[in-house]
Amino acid sequence: MKAQILYGIGNIKYAELDKPVPKKGEALVKVSYCGICGSDIPRIYKSGAHNMPIIPGHEFSGLVEECKDNPSLVGKRVGVYPLIPCKSCAQCQSGHYEMCEDYNYLGSRCDGGFAEYVSVPVWNLIPLLDEVSDIEAAMIEPMAVAVHSIRRAGLLTNKYEVNKNYDNVTILVCGLGTIGLLTAMFLIDAGFPMTYCIGNKDIQKKKLFEMGYGKEQFCDVRYEDTTGFVKSLLGGKGVDYYFECIGRSESYEQAIKSTAPLGTVMLVGNPASDMELGRDVYWKILRNQMTVLGTWNSSYEGRNGRKKTYHDDIQYVLDRLVNWKSANDFALGYFEDKSNGSEAFVHFSPEKLVTHCFGLEDLHKGLDIMKRKSEDYVKIMVKMV
């Protein structure tokens, strides 16, 4: 098979190697699409992976070609949960597999999806309904990460219902990369009308408007003062919930300063470097009795066929993907004026966040765009078939 192999930091090559042979409890998956995650850039060019040589890529979908443990899966389209838990540590025993203390991980600790084939534990396979496209399936993992942060903040209950106690809260999402935009998408879909976003690119603004956000709900830091923008919201008291999706000290500080007393700051972005807060900002957390939360990965119960229903972040994403395809679901999208004077509703789907798609051999083109930020992008996909 063909694959992109990371031999060392900055040394990734398109090469041919033997197809993996599935072990007991694994399936051979023929990859359809694999997304490039923002974390892939430092992994490939700066810090390296935990084990090298390795095939990177953890956001992927595919078709099961071989599965001795469960032959009924052969021929089925699947998404993949990339974290492989040990299932024996304290966190796994409590059902918090996303916080496993001794996990493996497709694409960073073992071979992942920038290849024609991958061996995947059957437990990690997510069977797909016809309504879910292969591209959307490759985005299940980042979508679930966004949902997990919203649920951790308490805006979704543990039963994945909108928390009715928070109908009138103000919410701010800062940092509109893939995770930030997906967070904004699920918030507007859940029915939080007073959600606002801070970004710095035209493509981000365009995608927000396509979701159904209004111009007044977007602050472009290239032309507007963020402090003034926050003060313009409800008399300047600050927002009730702030999703920090960048991971820099200055954005962390801005989050604290922009959040109302008794408000919640949800830290979503991976730290780009050491995180620091000034003494006066730290005091603000104490005096305003703020809640600062972290979020990591997403919840997943596994899919072994023993349960009829699942209650995890992955299932919430799957349910929404199916519901958005319903002709009666107008949660995401905007009304477009037609030439005859009428209006038509234009549905939004996560697939519309994909701005670039390359073949496996041309993976370097997508990596280069993200590394150098040479052009606007949101999600860059690699197509195998």
Protein backbone atom coordinates (compact mmCIF):
# COMPACT_ATOMS: atom_id res chain seq x y z
CA MET A 1 0.00 0.00 0.00
CA LYS A 2 0.94 3.67 -0.23
CA ALA A 3 1.34 5.82 2.88
CA GLN A 4 2.92 9.00 4.20
CA ILE A 5 5.55 7.95 6.73
CA LEU A 6 7.04 10.29 9.33
CA TYR A 7 10.63 9.08 9.82
CA GLY A 8 11.72 11.98 12.01
CA ILE A 9 10.97 15.63 12.68
CA GLY A 10 10.36 17.31 9.33
CA ASN A 11 11.06 14.08 7.46
CA ILE A 12 7.80 12.79 6.03
CA LYS A 13 7.82 10.78 2.81
CA TYR A 14 5.33 9.16 0.45
CA ALA A 15 6.31 5.51 0.37
CA GLU A 16 5.14 1.99 -0.33
CA LEU A 17 4.96 -0.69 2.35
CA ASP A 18 3.06 -3.85 3.18
CA LYS A 19 -0.58 -3.61 4.18
CA PRO A 20 -1.04 -4.04 7.92
CA VAL A 21 -2.19 -7.45 9.14
CA PRO A 22 -5.01 -7.06 11.69
CA LYS A 23 -4.39 -8.67 15.08
CA LYS A 24 -7.06 -10.32 17.17
CA GLY A 25 -9.75 -7.77 17.95
CA GLU A 26 -8.80 -5.56 15.00
CA ALA A 27 -10.21 -4.83 11.56
CA LEU A 28 -8.50 -3.81 8.34
CA VAL A 29 -9.95 -0.48 7.20
CA LYS A 30 -9.51 0.90 3.70
CA VAL A 31 -9.24 4.66 4.27
CA SER A 32 -11.59 6.98 2.38
CA TYR A 33 -10.71 10.43 3.78
CA CYS A 34 -8.34 11.69 6.43
CA GLY A 35 -8.37 15.26 7.73
CA ILE A 36 -5.24 17.21 8.62
CA CYS A 37 -5.55 18.31 12.25
CA GLY A 38 -3.83 21.43 13.57
CA SER A 39 -1.91 19.16 15.96
CA ASP A 40 -0.39 17.34 12.99
CA ILE A 41 1.72 20.40 12.11
CA PRO A 42 3.86 20.53 15.29
CA ARG A 43 3.85 16.73 15.41
CA ILE A 44 5.41 16.54 11.94
CA TYR A 45 7.59 19.65 11.91
CA LYS A 46 8.43 20.56 15.51
CA SER A 47 8.07 18.01 18.29
CA GLY A 48 7.78 14.70 16.45
CA ALA A 49 5.44 11.84 17.33
CA HIS A 50 5.70 9.59 20.38
CA ASN A 51 6.94 6.76 18.17
CA MET A 52 8.75 7.10 14.83
CA PRO A 53 8.71 6.05 12.09
CA ILE A 54 4.94 6.35 12.09
CA ILE A 55 2.04 7.05 9.74
CA PRO A 56 0.29 10.18 11.08
CA GLY A 57 -3.40 11.08 10.71
CA HIS A 58 -6.15 10.49 13.28
CA GLU A 59 -9.29 12.03 11.70
CA PHE A 60 -10.36 9.44 9.15
CA SER A 61 -13.16 7.33 7.71
CA GLY A 62 -13.14 4.20 5.62
CA LEU A 63 -14.54 0.84 4.62
CA VAL A 64 -13.98 -2.38 6.58
CA GLU A 65 -12.25 -4.90 4.30
CA GLU A 66 -11.36 -7.60 6.80
CA CYS A 67 -12.55 -8.46 10.30
CA LYS A 68 -12.24 -12.03 11.54
CA ASP A 69 -13.69 -11.15 14.96
CA ASN A 70 -16.85 -9.63 13.48
CA PRO A 71 -17.35 -10.61 9.81
CA SER A 72 -20.65 -8.70 9.70
CA LEU A 73 -18.63 -5.47 9.64
CA VAL A 74 -16.96 -6.32 6.33
CA GLY A 75 -18.19 -3.95 3.62
CA LYS A 76 -19.50 -1.42 6.16
CA ARG A 77 -18.51 2.24 6.11
CA VAL A 78 -17.07 3.45 9.41
CA GLY A 79 -15.76 6.42 11.26
CA VAL A 80 -12.96 5.91 13.77
CA TYR A 81 -12.42 6.97 17.39
CA PRO A 82 -8.63 7.40 17.43
CA LEU A 83 -7.92 6.99 21.16
CA ILE A 84 -7.30 3.37 22.15
CA PRO A 85 -7.77 3.10 25.93
CA CYS A 86 -6.10 0.55 28.18
CA LYS A 87 -9.50 -0.18 29.82
CA SER A 88 -7.82 -1.03 33.12
CA CYS A 89 -6.74 2.28 34.69
CA ALA A 90 -8.94 4.19 37.16
CA GLN A 91 -10.25 6.58 34.49
CA CYS A 92 -11.17 3.76 32.11
CA GLN A 93 -12.84 1.83 34.90
CA SER A 94 -15.02 4.89 35.56
CA GLY A 95 -15.94 5.17 31.87
CA HIS A 96 -13.79 8.22 31.16
CA TYR A 97 -11.83 6.60 28.37
CA GLU A 98 -10.82 10.01 27.00
CA MET A 99 -8.65 10.47 30.11
CA CYS A 100 -7.02 7.04 29.99
CA GLU A 101 -3.70 7.03 31.83
CA ASP A 102 -2.01 4.53 29.48
CA TYR A 103 -3.58 4.99 26.06
CA ASN A 104 -2.51 4.32 22.52
CA TYR A 105 -3.51 6.71 19.75
CA LEU A 106 -3.91 6.20 16.02
CA GLY A 107 -1.69 8.64 14.14
CA SER A 108 0.53 9.74 17.03
CA ARG A 109 1.49 6.59 18.94
CA CYS A 110 0.65 3.95 16.33
CA ASP A 111 0.01 4.10 12.58
CA GLY A 112 -2.90 6.28 11.49
CA GLY A 113 -4.91 7.41 8.51
CA PHE A 114 -2.51 8.98 6.01
CA ALA A 115 -2.37 5.59 4.32
CA GLU A 116 -4.49 3.43 2.09
CA TYR A 117 -5.09 0.92 4.90
CA VAL A 118 -5.10 0.97 8.72
CA SER A 119 -5.58 -1.70 11.36
CA VAL A 120 -8.14 -0.44 13.86
CA PRO A 121 -9.51 -2.09 17.03
CA VAL A 122 -13.11 -3.16 16.46
CA TRP A 123 -14.04 -1.25 19.65
CA ASN A 124 -12.98 1.98 17.92
CA LEU A 125 -15.07 1.51 14.76
CA ILE A 126 -18.13 3.75 14.42
CA PRO A 127 -20.71 2.25 12.01
CA LEU A 128 -22.29 4.88 9.76
CA LEU A 129 -25.82 5.44 8.54
CA ASP A 130 -26.34 6.29 4.88
CA GLU A 131 -27.06 9.93 5.75
CA VAL A 132 -23.48 10.48 6.96
CA SER A 133 -21.01 11.12 4.14
CA ASP A 134 -17.44 9.81 4.13
CA ILE A 135 -16.10 13.36 4.52
CA GLU A 136 -18.41 14.06 7.48
CA ALA A 137 -17.34 10.75 9.01
CA ALA A 138 -13.71 11.90 8.85
CA MET A 139 -14.80 14.96 10.86
CA ILE A 140 -16.59 13.05 13.63
CA GLU A 141 -13.59 13.28 15.96
CA PRO A 142 -13.16 17.10 15.86
CA MET A 143 -16.95 17.53 15.99
CA ALA A 144 -17.08 15.39 19.13
CA VAL A 145 -14.28 17.46 20.67
CA ALA A 146 -16.44 20.58 20.20
CA VAL A 147 -19.51 18.86 21.67
CA HIS A 148 -17.48 17.65 24.66
CA SER A 149 -16.46 21.22 25.54
CA ILE A 150 -20.07 22.40 25.34
CA ARG A 151 -21.23 19.59 27.60
CA ARG A 152 -18.34 20.17 30.03
CA ALA A 153 -19.48 23.78 30.29
CA GLY A 154 -22.94 22.57 31.29
CA LEU A 155 -24.78 23.96 28.27
CA LEU A 156 -25.69 20.39 27.32
CA THR A 157 -26.77 17.99 30.06
CA ASN A 158 -25.24 14.55 30.50
CA LYS A 159 -28.32 13.25 28.69
CA TYR A 160 -27.36 15.48 25.74
CA GLU A 161 -30.33 17.78 26.13
CA VAL A 162 -30.05 21.55 25.97
CA ASN A 163 -29.84 22.87 29.52
CA LYS A 164 -33.01 24.95 29.81
CA ASN A 165 -31.56 26.85 32.78
CA TYR A 166 -29.22 28.63 30.36
CA ASP A 167 -31.63 29.86 27.67
CA ASN A 168 -30.67 33.52 28.00
CA VAL A 169 -26.92 33.27 28.53
CA THR A 170 -24.37 35.13 26.45
CA ILE A 171 -21.61 33.02 24.92
CA LEU A 172 -18.38 34.00 23.20
CA VAL A 173 -16.22 31.72 21.07
CA CYS A 174 -12.71 33.07 20.50
CA GLY A 175 -10.51 31.43 17.88
CA LEU A 176 -12.23 30.15 14.76
CA GLY A 177 -10.08 27.33 13.54
CA THR A 178 -11.83 24.04 12.88
CA ILE A 179 -12.66 23.36 16.55
CA GLY A 180 -13.81 26.94 17.19
CA LEU A 181 -16.08 26.95 14.14
CA LEU A 182 -17.50 23.54 15.06
CA THR A 183 -18.15 24.80 18.59
CA ALA A 184 -19.98 27.81 17.15
CA MET A 185 -21.91 25.46 14.85
CA PHE A 186 -23.15 23.22 17.65
CA LEU A 187 -24.02 26.19 19.86
CA ILE A 188 -26.26 27.83 17.26
CA ASP A 189 -27.71 24.42 16.42
CA ALA A 190 -28.59 23.86 20.09
CA GLY A 191 -30.50 27.14 20.14
CA PHE A 192 -28.28 29.62 21.97
CA PRO A 193 -29.15 32.84 20.12
CA MET A 194 -26.78 35.12 22.03
CA THR A 195 -23.61 33.43 20.83
CA TYR A 196 -20.85 35.68 19.50
CA CYS A 197 -17.55 34.88 17.83
CA ILE A 198 -14.11 36.47 17.57
CA GLY A 199 -11.94 35.72 14.54
CA ASN A 200 -9.45 37.20 12.11
CA LYS A 201 -10.13 35.76 8.66
CA ASP A 202 -12.66 36.35 5.91
CA ILE A 203 -13.20 32.61 5.49
CA GLN A 204 -14.22 32.32 9.15
CA LYS A 205 -16.77 35.09 8.77
CA LYS A 206 -18.13 33.49 5.60
CA LYS A 207 -18.61 30.11 7.27
CA LEU A 208 -20.32 31.67 10.30
CA PHE A 209 -22.79 33.50 8.07
CA GLU A 210 -23.48 30.25 6.19
CA MET A 211 -24.34 28.63 9.54
CA GLY A 212 -26.87 31.35 10.25
CA TYR A 213 -24.91 33.86 12.35
CA GLY A 214 -25.58 37.56 11.82
CA LYS A 215 -22.94 40.18 11.05
CA GLU A 216 -23.41 41.70 14.51
CA GLN A 217 -22.35 38.38 16.07
CA PHE A 218 -18.84 38.45 14.62
CA CYS A 219 -15.89 40.53 15.80
CA ASP A 220 -13.04 40.77 13.32
CA VAL A 221 -9.93 41.56 15.36
CA ARG A 222 -8.23 43.01 12.28
CA TYR A 223 -10.65 45.94 12.29
CA GLU A 224 -12.37 45.94 15.69
CA ASP A 225 -11.31 46.27 19.30
CA THR A 226 -12.29 43.09 21.15
CA THR A 227 -12.64 44.89 24.47
CA GLY A 228 -15.04 47.38 22.90
CA PHE A 229 -16.95 44.54 21.24
CA VAL A 230 -17.45 42.72 24.55
CA LYS A 231 -18.48 45.96 26.27
CA SER A 232 -21.15 46.46 23.61
CA LEU A 233 -22.82 43.21 24.65
CA LEU A 234 -25.53 43.63 27.27
CA GLY A 235 -24.08 46.72 28.87
CA GLY A 236 -20.52 45.50 29.11
CA LYS A 237 -20.91 43.22 32.11
CA GLY A 238 -19.06 40.45 30.28
CA VAL A 239 -20.27 37.19 28.81
CA ASP A 240 -21.56 34.25 30.81
CA TYR A 241 -19.55 31.64 28.88
CA TYR A 242 -16.27 32.11 27.07
CA PHE A 243 -14.80 29.36 24.88
CA GLU A 244 -11.07 30.00 24.46
CA CYS A 245 -10.06 28.04 21.34
CA ILE A 246 -6.59 29.47 20.66
CA GLY A 247 -4.27 28.41 23.48
CA ARG A 248 -2.14 31.51 24.00
CA SER A 249 -1.49 33.54 27.14
CA GLU A 250 -2.94 36.74 25.67
CA SER A 251 -6.15 35.00 24.61
CA TYR A 252 -6.43 33.31 28.02
CA GLU A 253 -6.08 36.72 29.69
CA GLN A 254 -8.67 38.20 27.34
CA ALA A 255 -11.05 35.37 28.27
CA ILE A 256 -10.79 36.19 31.98
CA LYS A 257 -11.24 39.91 31.38
CA SER A 258 -14.24 39.37 29.10
CA THR A 259 -16.20 37.01 31.34
CA ALA A 260 -18.86 38.21 33.77
CA PRO A 261 -18.79 37.62 37.53
CA LEU A 262 -19.78 34.01 38.29
CA GLY A 263 -19.12 33.26 34.60
CA THR A 264 -17.37 30.27 33.07
CA VAL A 265 -14.21 30.13 30.95
CA MET A 266 -13.83 26.93 28.95
CA LEU A 267 -10.23 26.32 27.87
CA VAL A 268 -10.36 24.42 24.57
CA GLY A 269 -7.23 25.38 22.61
CA ASN A 270 -4.04 23.36 23.02
CA PRO A 271 -1.31 25.59 24.53
CA ALA A 272 1.16 26.92 21.97
CA SER A 273 3.68 27.62 24.77
CA ASP A 274 3.73 28.23 28.53
CA MET A 275 0.52 29.90 29.73
CA GLU A 276 0.90 32.92 32.01
CA LEU A 277 -1.52 35.27 33.76
CA GLY A 278 -0.82 38.66 35.29
CA ARG A 279 -1.49 39.06 39.01
CA ASP A 280 -4.37 41.48 38.42
CA VAL A 281 -6.02 39.03 36.01
CA TYR A 282 -5.62 36.18 38.48
CA TRP A 283 -7.28 38.35 41.11
CA LYS A 284 -10.23 38.74 38.76
CA ILE A 285 -10.81 34.99 38.80
CA LEU A 286 -10.88 35.02 42.60
CA ARG A 287 -12.90 38.16 43.21
CA ASN A 288 -15.47 37.38 40.52
CA GLN A 289 -15.74 33.75 41.66
CA MET A 290 -15.29 32.54 38.12
CA THR A 291 -15.22 28.94 36.95
CA VAL A 292 -12.30 27.92 34.74
CA LEU A 293 -12.69 24.52 33.07
CA GLY A 294 -10.60 22.31 30.86
CA THR A 295 -11.71 19.84 28.22
CA TRP A 296 -9.91 16.94 26.60
CA ASN A 297 -10.84 14.72 23.67
CA SER A 298 -14.43 13.43 23.70
CA SER A 299 -16.50 10.77 25.41
CA TYR A 300 -16.97 7.41 23.73
CA GLU A 301 -18.48 4.19 25.05
CA GLY A 302 -17.15 1.94 22.30
CA ARG A 303 -19.27 0.16 19.72
CA ASN A 304 -19.37 -3.57 20.38
CA GLY A 305 -22.97 -4.28 19.40
CA ARG A 306 -24.03 -5.13 22.94
CA LYS A 307 -26.03 -1.95 23.48
CA LYS A 308 -29.00 -0.67 21.50
CA THR A 309 -28.42 2.96 22.42
CA TYR A 310 -25.33 4.95 23.28
CA HIS A 311 -24.96 8.18 25.25
CA ASP A 312 -21.66 9.78 24.34
CA ASP A 313 -20.33 12.74 22.37
CA ILE A 314 -19.87 10.60 19.27
CA GLN A 315 -23.52 9.54 19.24
CA TYR A 316 -24.68 13.14 19.67
CA VAL A 317 -22.67 14.09 16.58
CA LEU A 318 -24.08 11.18 14.57
CA ASP A 319 -27.65 12.05 15.59
CA ARG A 320 -27.22 15.67 14.57
CA LEU A 321 -25.67 14.72 11.22
CA VAL A 322 -28.72 12.60 10.46
CA ASN A 323 -31.20 15.22 11.69
CA TRP A 324 -29.60 18.00 9.63
CA LYS A 325 -30.41 16.01 6.51
CA SER A 326 -34.12 16.20 7.36
CA ALA A 327 -36.06 18.62 5.15
CA ASN A 328 -37.80 19.94 8.27
CA ASP A 329 -34.66 20.77 10.21
CA PHE A 330 -33.80 24.46 9.75
CA ALA A 331 -31.30 24.71 12.59
CA LEU A 332 -28.28 25.44 10.40
CA GLY A 333 -28.23 27.65 7.35
CA TYR A 334 -29.39 30.97 5.97
CA PHE A 335 -32.03 32.42 3.67
CA GLU A 336 -30.80 33.46 0.24
CA ASP A 337 -32.60 35.95 -1.97
CA LYS A 338 -33.62 34.56 -5.35
CA SER A 339 -33.85 36.48 -8.60
CA ASN A 340 -37.66 36.22 -8.58
CA GLY A 341 -37.88 38.03 -5.24
CA SER A 342 -38.44 34.91 -3.15
CA GLU A 343 -36.19 33.39 -0.51
CA ALA A 344 -34.69 29.91 -0.36
CA PHE A 345 -33.17 28.28 2.71
CA VAL A 346 -29.60 27.11 2.16
CA HIS A 347 -28.71 24.28 4.52
CA PHE A 348 -25.30 24.16 6.15
CA SER A 349 -23.40 20.95 6.78
CA PRO A 350 -19.96 20.38 8.36
CA GLU A 351 -18.73 19.25 4.95
CA LYS A 352 -18.86 22.90 3.89
CA LEU A 353 -15.97 23.61 6.27
CA VAL A 354 -13.68 21.63 3.96
CA THR A 355 -11.81 24.20 1.91
CA HIS A 356 -9.12 22.00 0.33
CA CYS A 357 -8.84 18.35 -0.68
CA PHE A 358 -5.63 16.66 -1.88
CA GLY A 359 -4.65 13.16 -2.89
CA LEU A 360 -2.44 11.14 -0.53
CA GLU A 361 0.64 11.77 -2.68
CA ASP A 362 0.06 15.53 -2.34
CA LEU A 363 -0.36 15.61 1.44
CA HIS A 364 2.63 17.97 1.62
CA LYS A 365 0.61 20.67 -0.17
CA GLY A 366 -1.99 20.70 2.60
CA LEU A 367 0.64 20.57 5.32
CA ASP A 368 2.48 23.48 3.72
CA ILE A 369 -0.66 25.65 3.59
CA MET A 370 -1.28 25.05 7.28
CA LYS A 371 2.37 25.43 8.28
CA ARG A 372 2.96 28.70 6.41
CA LYS A 373 -0.67 29.93 6.55
CA SER A 374 -0.14 30.89 2.93
CA GLU A 375 -3.86 31.06 2.17
CA ASP A 376 -7.19 30.95 3.95
CA TYR A 377 -8.34 27.48 4.96
CA VAL A 378 -10.55 25.77 7.52
CA LYS A 379 -10.41 21.99 7.15
CA ILE A 380 -8.00 20.36 4.71
CA MET A 381 -8.79 16.79 3.68
CA VAL A 382 -6.79 14.01 2.08
CA LYS A 383 -8.76 11.74 -0.24
CA MET A 384 -7.60 8.16 -0.73
CA VAL A 385 -10.23 6.89 -3.20
